[in-house]
Amino acid sequence: MIKKLESLIKIPENTDFDKPFFQMDGTNELLLCGSNSILEYSSSKIKVNVRGIQISIEGSNLIISFIDNDAIAVKGNIRALNFVRVK
């Protein structure tokens, strides 16, 4: 999986993938590593569980452009990210 992600973006070498990790490219692309499940999915809101933290991505024209066992990439016009610890 890491090789696939590296082909999409530049991931720092010292990244600890045992912890939640996210990277944004401007306001149009977001990579989340450590995602356990997608809780909600629409073109204006995507909510995922990332190791005990619920992350809501809000915006417009949102799509999941990449998904794997442990990561998702979201593209679209991202307006807001909200983090809620659930553990």
C-alpha atoms as a PDB file:
ATOM      1  CA  MET A   1       0.000   0.000   0.000  1.00  0.00           C
ATOM      2  CA  ILE A   2       2.743   2.486   0.898  1.00  0.00           C
ATOM      3  CA  LYS A   3       4.258   2.234  -2.594  1.00  0.00           C
ATOM      4  CA  LYS A   4       0.851   3.029  -4.134  1.00  0.00           C
ATOM      5  CA  LEU A   5       0.517   6.085  -1.909  1.00  0.00           C
ATOM      6  CA  GLU A   6       4.049   7.230  -2.631  1.00  0.00           C
ATOM      7  CA  SER A   7       3.165   7.277  -6.305  1.00  0.00           C
ATOM      8  CA  LEU A   8       0.258   9.644  -5.530  1.00  0.00           C
ATOM      9  CA  ILE A   9       1.979  12.014  -3.108  1.00  0.00           C
ATOM     10  CA  LYS A  10       5.252  12.618  -1.282  1.00  0.00           C
ATOM     11  CA  ILE A  11       5.151  10.994   2.161  1.00  0.00           C
ATOM     12  CA  PRO A  12       7.858  12.014   4.664  1.00  0.00           C
ATOM     13  CA  GLU A  13      10.290   9.163   5.363  1.00  0.00           C
ATOM     14  CA  ASN A  14       9.831   9.324   9.149  1.00  0.00           C
ATOM     15  CA  THR A  15       6.030   8.923   9.024  1.00  0.00           C
ATOM     16  CA  ASP A  16       4.656   6.607  11.738  1.00  0.00           C
ATOM     17  CA  PHE A  17       1.749   4.751  10.120  1.00  0.00           C
ATOM     18  CA  ASP A  18       0.725   3.280  13.489  1.00  0.00           C
ATOM     19  CA  LYS A  19      -0.758   6.701  14.233  1.00  0.00           C
ATOM     20  CA  PRO A  20      -3.373   8.598  12.219  1.00  0.00           C
ATOM     21  CA  PHE A  21      -1.755  10.567   9.412  1.00  0.00           C
ATOM     22  CA  PHE A  22      -3.211  13.066   6.979  1.00  0.00           C
ATOM     23  CA  GLN A  23      -1.769  15.258   4.281  1.00  0.00           C
ATOM     24  CA  MET A  24      -3.461  17.953   2.229  1.00  0.00           C
ATOM     25  CA  ASP A  25      -2.565  19.342  -1.157  1.00  0.00           C
ATOM     26  CA  GLY A  26      -4.091  22.811  -1.011  1.00  0.00           C
ATOM     27  CA  THR A  27      -7.832  22.623  -0.429  1.00  0.00           C
ATOM     28  CA  ASN A  28      -8.547  20.145  -3.212  1.00  0.00           C
ATOM     29  CA  GLU A  29      -6.962  16.884  -2.085  1.00  0.00           C
ATOM     30  CA  LEU A  30      -6.659  15.035   1.234  1.00  0.00           C
ATOM     31  CA  LEU A  31      -4.946  11.761   2.105  1.00  0.00           C
ATOM     32  CA  LEU A  32      -5.933   9.931   5.320  1.00  0.00           C
ATOM     33  CA  CYS A  33      -3.866   6.965   6.500  1.00  0.00           C
ATOM     34  CA  GLY A  34      -5.040   4.716   9.296  1.00  0.00           C
ATOM     35  CA  SER A  35      -8.693   4.845   8.304  1.00  0.00           C
ATOM     36  CA  ASN A  36     -10.780   2.009   9.709  1.00  0.00           C
ATOM     37  CA  SER A  37     -14.143   2.718   8.125  1.00  0.00           C
ATOM     38  CA  ILE A  38     -16.215   5.180   6.151  1.00  0.00           C
ATOM     39  CA  LEU A  39     -19.135   6.341   8.295  1.00  0.00           C
ATOM     40  CA  GLU A  40     -20.805   8.769   5.884  1.00  0.00           C
ATOM     41  CA  TYR A  41     -20.320   9.557   2.209  1.00  0.00           C
ATOM     42  CA  SER A  42     -21.937  12.229   0.063  1.00  0.00           C
ATOM     43  CA  SER A  43     -20.697  14.891  -2.346  1.00  0.00           C
ATOM     44  CA  SER A  44     -20.772  17.464   0.498  1.00  0.00           C
ATOM     45  CA  LYS A  45     -19.586  15.421   3.502  1.00  0.00           C
ATOM     46  CA  ILE A  46     -17.374  12.409   4.090  1.00  0.00           C
ATOM     47  CA  LYS A  47     -16.917  11.076   7.629  1.00  0.00           C
ATOM     48  CA  VAL A  48     -14.323   8.413   8.456  1.00  0.00           C
ATOM     49  CA  ASN A  49     -13.034   6.696  11.574  1.00  0.00           C
ATOM     50  CA  VAL A  50      -9.257   6.933  11.874  1.00  0.00           C
ATOM     51  CA  ARG A  51      -8.000   4.924  14.860  1.00  0.00           C
ATOM     52  CA  GLY A  52     -10.382   6.365  17.410  1.00  0.00           C
ATOM     53  CA  ILE A  53     -10.830   9.772  15.807  1.00  0.00           C
ATOM     54  CA  GLN A  54     -13.823  10.639  13.637  1.00  0.00           C
ATOM     55  CA  ILE A  55     -12.801  13.004  10.868  1.00  0.00           C
ATOM     56  CA  SER A  56     -15.472  14.884   8.939  1.00  0.00           C
ATOM     57  CA  ILE A  57     -14.503  16.387   5.603  1.00  0.00           C
ATOM     58  CA  GLU A  58     -16.958  19.035   4.409  1.00  0.00           C
ATOM     59  CA  GLY A  59     -17.079  20.777   1.075  1.00  0.00           C
ATOM     60  CA  SER A  60     -18.498  20.328  -2.406  1.00  0.00           C
ATOM     61  CA  ASN A  61     -17.936  17.874  -5.244  1.00  0.00           C
ATOM     62  CA  LEU A  62     -16.199  15.493  -2.821  1.00  0.00           C
ATOM     63  CA  ILE A  63     -15.200  12.082  -4.141  1.00  0.00           C
ATOM     64  CA  ILE A  64     -13.085   9.248  -2.819  1.00  0.00           C
ATOM     65  CA  SER A  65     -10.361   8.999  -5.455  1.00  0.00           C
ATOM     66  CA  PHE A  66      -8.364   6.215  -3.777  1.00  0.00           C
ATOM     67  CA  ILE A  67      -9.243   3.615  -1.170  1.00  0.00           C
ATOM     68  CA  ASP A  68      -7.240   0.797   0.369  1.00  0.00           C
ATOM     69  CA  ASN A  69      -7.363  -1.272   3.565  1.00  0.00           C
ATOM     70  CA  ASP A  70      -5.732   1.514   5.556  1.00  0.00           C
ATOM     71  CA  ALA A  71      -6.029   4.737   3.553  1.00  0.00           C
ATOM     72  CA  ILE A  72      -8.340   6.916   1.529  1.00  0.00           C
ATOM     73  CA  ALA A  73      -7.770   9.958  -0.667  1.00  0.00           C
ATOM     74  CA  VAL A  74     -10.481  12.576  -1.090  1.00  0.00           C
ATOM     75  CA  LYS A  75     -10.681  15.107  -3.907  1.00  0.00           C
ATOM     76  CA  GLY A  76     -12.998  18.062  -4.293  1.00  0.00           C
ATOM     77  CA  ASN A  77     -13.489  21.532  -2.841  1.00  0.00           C
ATOM     78  CA  ILE A  78     -12.617  20.935   0.812  1.00  0.00           C
ATOM     79  CA  ARG A  79     -13.953  23.684   3.095  1.00  0.00           C
ATOM     80  CA  ALA A  80     -13.560  22.173   6.576  1.00  0.00           C
ATOM     81  CA  LEU A  81     -12.055  19.322   8.569  1.00  0.00           C
ATOM     82  CA  ASN A  82     -13.480  18.407  11.963  1.00  0.00           C
ATOM     83  CA  PHE A  83     -11.843  16.031  14.435  1.00  0.00           C
ATOM     84  CA  VAL A  84     -13.681  14.258  17.265  1.00  0.00           C
ATOM     85  CA  ARG A  85     -11.906  11.798  19.569  1.00  0.00           C
ATOM     86  CA  VAL A  86     -14.194   8.825  20.236  1.00  0.00           C
ATOM     87  CA  LYS A  87     -11.948   6.728  22.493  1.00  0.00           C
END
